[in-house]
Each structure stands twice: as structure tokens, then as C-alpha cells.
Amino acid sequence: MNTYEDTGKMSKEAMDNAMKSFSVMTKGMQQIAAETTDFTKRSYEHSAKTFEQLAQVKSLDKVVEVQNEYAKSAYQAWVAQATKMGELYADLAKEAYKPFETMMSSAANAGLQTVRKAA
């Protein structure tokens, strides 16, 4: 009878862990979506500002200068955003896996105890 109780307990733990992981994934994806939206907005505003500057420029040298500044700052912003997004995804994966880490550790310990009892 103990085996059935253990199996029921493990099933409940597995379901609880799956729900915790799902909750973490949902929150993480919301954070990623919000960050992507903010970056897109900042990028659009930066592009609009640069276009306004270009519209007011009178010389070709100044056009090239404004475009070079825009390209440099846009690239730096993109690299910073890519780094930040990579960190968000890595943190999300770590947090989503944590509930299963505990479950796997418990399962390994239970298996070890079963082997010791059988020996």
C-alpha cells in the first residue's frame, strides 16, 4: 500500500512543479514581451529624431555625420538589447527548471533508498 501512496504523492508533486514552471514561464514571457515593446518604441523614437535632424541638414558632410552617429548608436543599442534579452531567456530557463530540479532530486533519493532496501 505504501507504493501507491508514494506514487500518488509523486504525481501530486509533479503536477505542482509543472504548474510552478508554467507560472514562471508565463511571467518571464510577459517580461520579455514588455522589454521588446520598450526597445521597439525607443528605436522608433531614435529613428524619428534622426530623420528630423537629417531634414534640417544643409550639407552633405553633415548628412554623413548624422547618419554615422545614428548607425553607431543604433548598433550599440541593438547589442545591449541582444545581451539583455539573452540574460532574460537564460534566467527564465533557470527559474522554469528549478521546480523539476527538486523533483528529480527527490526521485533519485527514493530510487536510491529502494535499491538499498532491496540489497
C-alpha atoms as a PDB file:
ATOM      1  CA  MET A   1       0.000   0.000   0.000  1.00  0.00           C
ATOM      2  CA  ASN A   2       2.962   2.315   0.638  1.00  0.00           C
ATOM      3  CA  THR A   3       3.917   2.213  -3.055  1.00  0.00           C
ATOM      4  CA  TYR A   4       0.507   3.580  -4.093  1.00  0.00           C
ATOM      5  CA  GLU A   5       0.756   6.402  -1.584  1.00  0.00           C
ATOM      6  CA  ASP A   6       4.278   7.246  -2.768  1.00  0.00           C
ATOM      7  CA  THR A   7       3.130   7.199  -6.384  1.00  0.00           C
ATOM      8  CA  GLY A   8       0.209   9.490  -5.584  1.00  0.00           C
ATOM      9  CA  LYS A   9       2.471  11.850  -3.690  1.00  0.00           C
ATOM     10  CA  MET A  10       4.977  11.942  -6.561  1.00  0.00           C
ATOM     11  CA  SER A  11       2.191  12.586  -9.078  1.00  0.00           C
ATOM     12  CA  LYS A  12       0.917  15.490  -6.994  1.00  0.00           C
ATOM     13  CA  GLU A  13       4.430  16.907  -6.687  1.00  0.00           C
ATOM     14  CA  ALA A  14       4.944  16.572 -10.434  1.00  0.00           C
ATOM     15  CA  MET A  15       1.717  18.453 -11.132  1.00  0.00           C
ATOM     16  CA  ASP A  16       2.601  21.174  -8.606  1.00  0.00           C
ATOM     17  CA  ASN A  17       6.048  21.555 -10.148  1.00  0.00           C
ATOM     18  CA  ALA A  18       4.593  21.728 -13.646  1.00  0.00           C
ATOM     19  CA  MET A  19       2.219  24.490 -12.524  1.00  0.00           C
ATOM     20  CA  LYS A  20       5.056  26.419 -10.860  1.00  0.00           C
ATOM     21  CA  SER A  21       7.145  26.099 -14.004  1.00  0.00           C
ATOM     22  CA  PHE A  22       4.230  27.223 -16.181  1.00  0.00           C
ATOM     23  CA  SER A  23       3.705  30.255 -13.931  1.00  0.00           C
ATOM     24  CA  VAL A  24       7.389  31.177 -14.181  1.00  0.00           C
ATOM     25  CA  MET A  25       7.291  30.779 -17.961  1.00  0.00           C
ATOM     26  CA  THR A  26       4.221  32.998 -18.242  1.00  0.00           C
ATOM     27  CA  LYS A  27       5.748  35.771 -16.138  1.00  0.00           C
ATOM     28  CA  GLY A  28       9.054  35.505 -17.989  1.00  0.00           C
ATOM     29  CA  MET A  29       7.412  35.734 -21.394  1.00  0.00           C
ATOM     30  CA  GLN A  30       5.444  38.783 -20.249  1.00  0.00           C
ATOM     31  CA  GLN A  31       8.680  40.412 -19.128  1.00  0.00           C
ATOM     32  CA  ILE A  32      10.345  39.586 -22.454  1.00  0.00           C
ATOM     33  CA  ALA A  33       7.376  40.971 -24.402  1.00  0.00           C
ATOM     34  CA  ALA A  34       7.404  44.183 -22.364  1.00  0.00           C
ATOM     35  CA  GLU A  35      11.150  44.597 -22.876  1.00  0.00           C
ATOM     36  CA  THR A  36      10.796  44.009 -26.618  1.00  0.00           C
ATOM     37  CA  THR A  37       7.996  46.576 -26.811  1.00  0.00           C
ATOM     38  CA  ASP A  38      10.059  49.160 -24.922  1.00  0.00           C
ATOM     39  CA  PHE A  39      13.080  48.591 -27.157  1.00  0.00           C
ATOM     40  CA  THR A  40      10.959  48.902 -30.292  1.00  0.00           C
ATOM     41  CA  LYS A  41       9.480  52.161 -29.025  1.00  0.00           C
ATOM     42  CA  ARG A  42      12.914  53.589 -28.147  1.00  0.00           C
ATOM     43  CA  SER A  43      14.271  52.518 -31.521  1.00  0.00           C
ATOM     44  CA  TYR A  44      11.400  54.157 -33.397  1.00  0.00           C
ATOM     45  CA  GLU A  45      11.809  57.403 -31.430  1.00  0.00           C
ATOM     46  CA  HIS A  46      15.539  57.412 -32.131  1.00  0.00           C
ATOM     47  CA  SER A  47      14.910  56.868 -35.847  1.00  0.00           C
ATOM     48  CA  ALA A  48      12.320  59.668 -35.956  1.00  0.00           C
ATOM     49  CA  LYS A  49      14.698  62.050 -34.183  1.00  0.00           C
ATOM     50  CA  THR A  50      17.461  61.217 -36.653  1.00  0.00           C
ATOM     51  CA  PHE A  51      15.123  61.750 -39.598  1.00  0.00           C
ATOM     52  CA  GLU A  52      14.211  65.187 -38.212  1.00  0.00           C
ATOM     53  CA  GLN A  53      17.897  66.037 -37.906  1.00  0.00           C
ATOM     54  CA  LEU A  54      18.522  64.928 -41.491  1.00  0.00           C
ATOM     55  CA  ALA A  55      15.647  67.075 -42.727  1.00  0.00           C
ATOM     56  CA  GLN A  56      17.299  70.171 -41.235  1.00  0.00           C
ATOM     57  CA  VAL A  57      20.817  69.488 -42.531  1.00  0.00           C
ATOM     58  CA  LYS A  58      22.132  71.683 -45.363  1.00  0.00           C
ATOM     59  CA  SER A  59      25.436  69.978 -46.263  1.00  0.00           C
ATOM     60  CA  LEU A  60      26.405  66.513 -47.411  1.00  0.00           C
ATOM     61  CA  ASP A  61      29.161  66.299 -44.787  1.00  0.00           C
ATOM     62  CA  LYS A  62      26.623  66.893 -42.023  1.00  0.00           C
ATOM     63  CA  VAL A  63      24.267  64.256 -43.536  1.00  0.00           C
ATOM     64  CA  VAL A  64      27.049  61.682 -43.432  1.00  0.00           C
ATOM     65  CA  GLU A  65      27.931  62.685 -39.869  1.00  0.00           C
ATOM     66  CA  VAL A  66      24.319  62.352 -38.664  1.00  0.00           C
ATOM     67  CA  GLN A  67      23.913  59.003 -40.403  1.00  0.00           C
ATOM     68  CA  ASN A  68      27.171  57.687 -38.927  1.00  0.00           C
ATOM     69  CA  GLU A  69      26.131  58.765 -35.437  1.00  0.00           C
ATOM     70  CA  TYR A  70      22.759  57.095 -35.925  1.00  0.00           C
ATOM     71  CA  ALA A  71      24.303  53.845 -37.197  1.00  0.00           C
ATOM     72  CA  LYS A  72      26.773  53.721 -34.318  1.00  0.00           C
ATOM     73  CA  SER A  73      24.189  54.396 -31.605  1.00  0.00           C
ATOM     74  CA  ALA A  74      21.627  52.037 -33.190  1.00  0.00           C
ATOM     75  CA  TYR A  75      24.209  49.245 -33.317  1.00  0.00           C
ATOM     76  CA  GLN A  76      25.241  49.824 -29.689  1.00  0.00           C
ATOM     77  CA  ALA A  77      21.599  49.812 -28.602  1.00  0.00           C
ATOM     78  CA  TRP A  78      20.957  46.604 -30.532  1.00  0.00           C
ATOM     79  CA  VAL A  79      23.966  44.833 -28.972  1.00  0.00           C
ATOM     80  CA  ALA A  80      22.916  45.962 -25.493  1.00  0.00           C
ATOM     81  CA  GLN A  81      19.355  44.768 -26.149  1.00  0.00           C
ATOM     82  CA  ALA A  82      20.523  41.415 -27.510  1.00  0.00           C
ATOM     83  CA  THR A  83      22.663  40.907 -24.404  1.00  0.00           C
ATOM     84  CA  LYS A  84      19.776  41.837 -22.137  1.00  0.00           C
ATOM     85  CA  MET A  85      17.374  39.515 -23.965  1.00  0.00           C
ATOM     86  CA  GLY A  86      19.878  36.671 -23.753  1.00  0.00           C
ATOM     87  CA  GLU A  87      20.108  37.184 -19.997  1.00  0.00           C
ATOM     88  CA  LEU A  88      16.304  37.263 -19.691  1.00  0.00           C
ATOM     89  CA  TYR A  89      15.961  33.986 -21.606  1.00  0.00           C
ATOM     90  CA  ALA A  90      18.740  32.334 -19.568  1.00  0.00           C
ATOM     91  CA  ASP A  91      17.162  33.449 -16.287  1.00  0.00           C
ATOM     92  CA  LEU A  92      13.778  32.233 -17.494  1.00  0.00           C
ATOM     93  CA  ALA A  93      15.168  28.793 -18.313  1.00  0.00           C
ATOM     94  CA  LYS A  94      16.882  28.530 -14.916  1.00  0.00           C
ATOM     95  CA  GLU A  95      13.787  29.574 -12.998  1.00  0.00           C
ATOM     96  CA  ALA A  96      11.461  27.329 -15.004  1.00  0.00           C
ATOM     97  CA  TYR A  97      13.715  24.319 -14.359  1.00  0.00           C
ATOM     98  CA  LYS A  98      14.056  24.843 -10.585  1.00  0.00           C
ATOM     99  CA  PRO A  99      10.812  23.046  -9.608  1.00  0.00           C
ATOM    100  CA  PHE A 100      11.856  19.993 -11.614  1.00  0.00           C
ATOM    101  CA  GLU A 101      15.317  20.024 -10.063  1.00  0.00           C
ATOM    102  CA  THR A 102      13.760  19.357  -6.670  1.00  0.00           C
ATOM    103  CA  MET A 103      11.515  16.639  -8.055  1.00  0.00           C
ATOM    104  CA  MET A 104      14.405  14.878  -9.793  1.00  0.00           C
ATOM    105  CA  SER A 105      16.485  15.022  -6.640  1.00  0.00           C
ATOM    106  CA  SER A 106      13.616  13.501  -4.648  1.00  0.00           C
ATOM    107  CA  ALA A 107      13.117  10.787  -7.260  1.00  0.00           C
ATOM    108  CA  ALA A 108      16.817   9.961  -7.232  1.00  0.00           C
ATOM    109  CA  ASN A 109      16.815   9.716  -3.434  1.00  0.00           C
ATOM    110  CA  ALA A 110      13.711   7.500  -3.469  1.00  0.00           C
ATOM    111  CA  GLY A 111      15.314   5.227  -6.054  1.00  0.00           C
ATOM    112  CA  LEU A 112      18.499   5.023  -4.004  1.00  0.00           C
ATOM    113  CA  GLN A 113      16.528   4.101  -0.882  1.00  0.00           C
ATOM    114  CA  THR A 114      14.638   1.408  -2.816  1.00  0.00           C
ATOM    115  CA  VAL A 115      17.905  -0.078  -4.041  1.00  0.00           C
ATOM    116  CA  ARG A 116      19.333  -0.058  -0.520  1.00  0.00           C
ATOM    117  CA  LYS A 117      16.248  -1.783   0.855  1.00  0.00           C
ATOM    118  CA  ALA A 118      16.424  -4.439  -1.867  1.00  0.00           C
ATOM    119  CA  ALA A 119      20.087  -5.150  -1.207  1.00  0.00           C
END
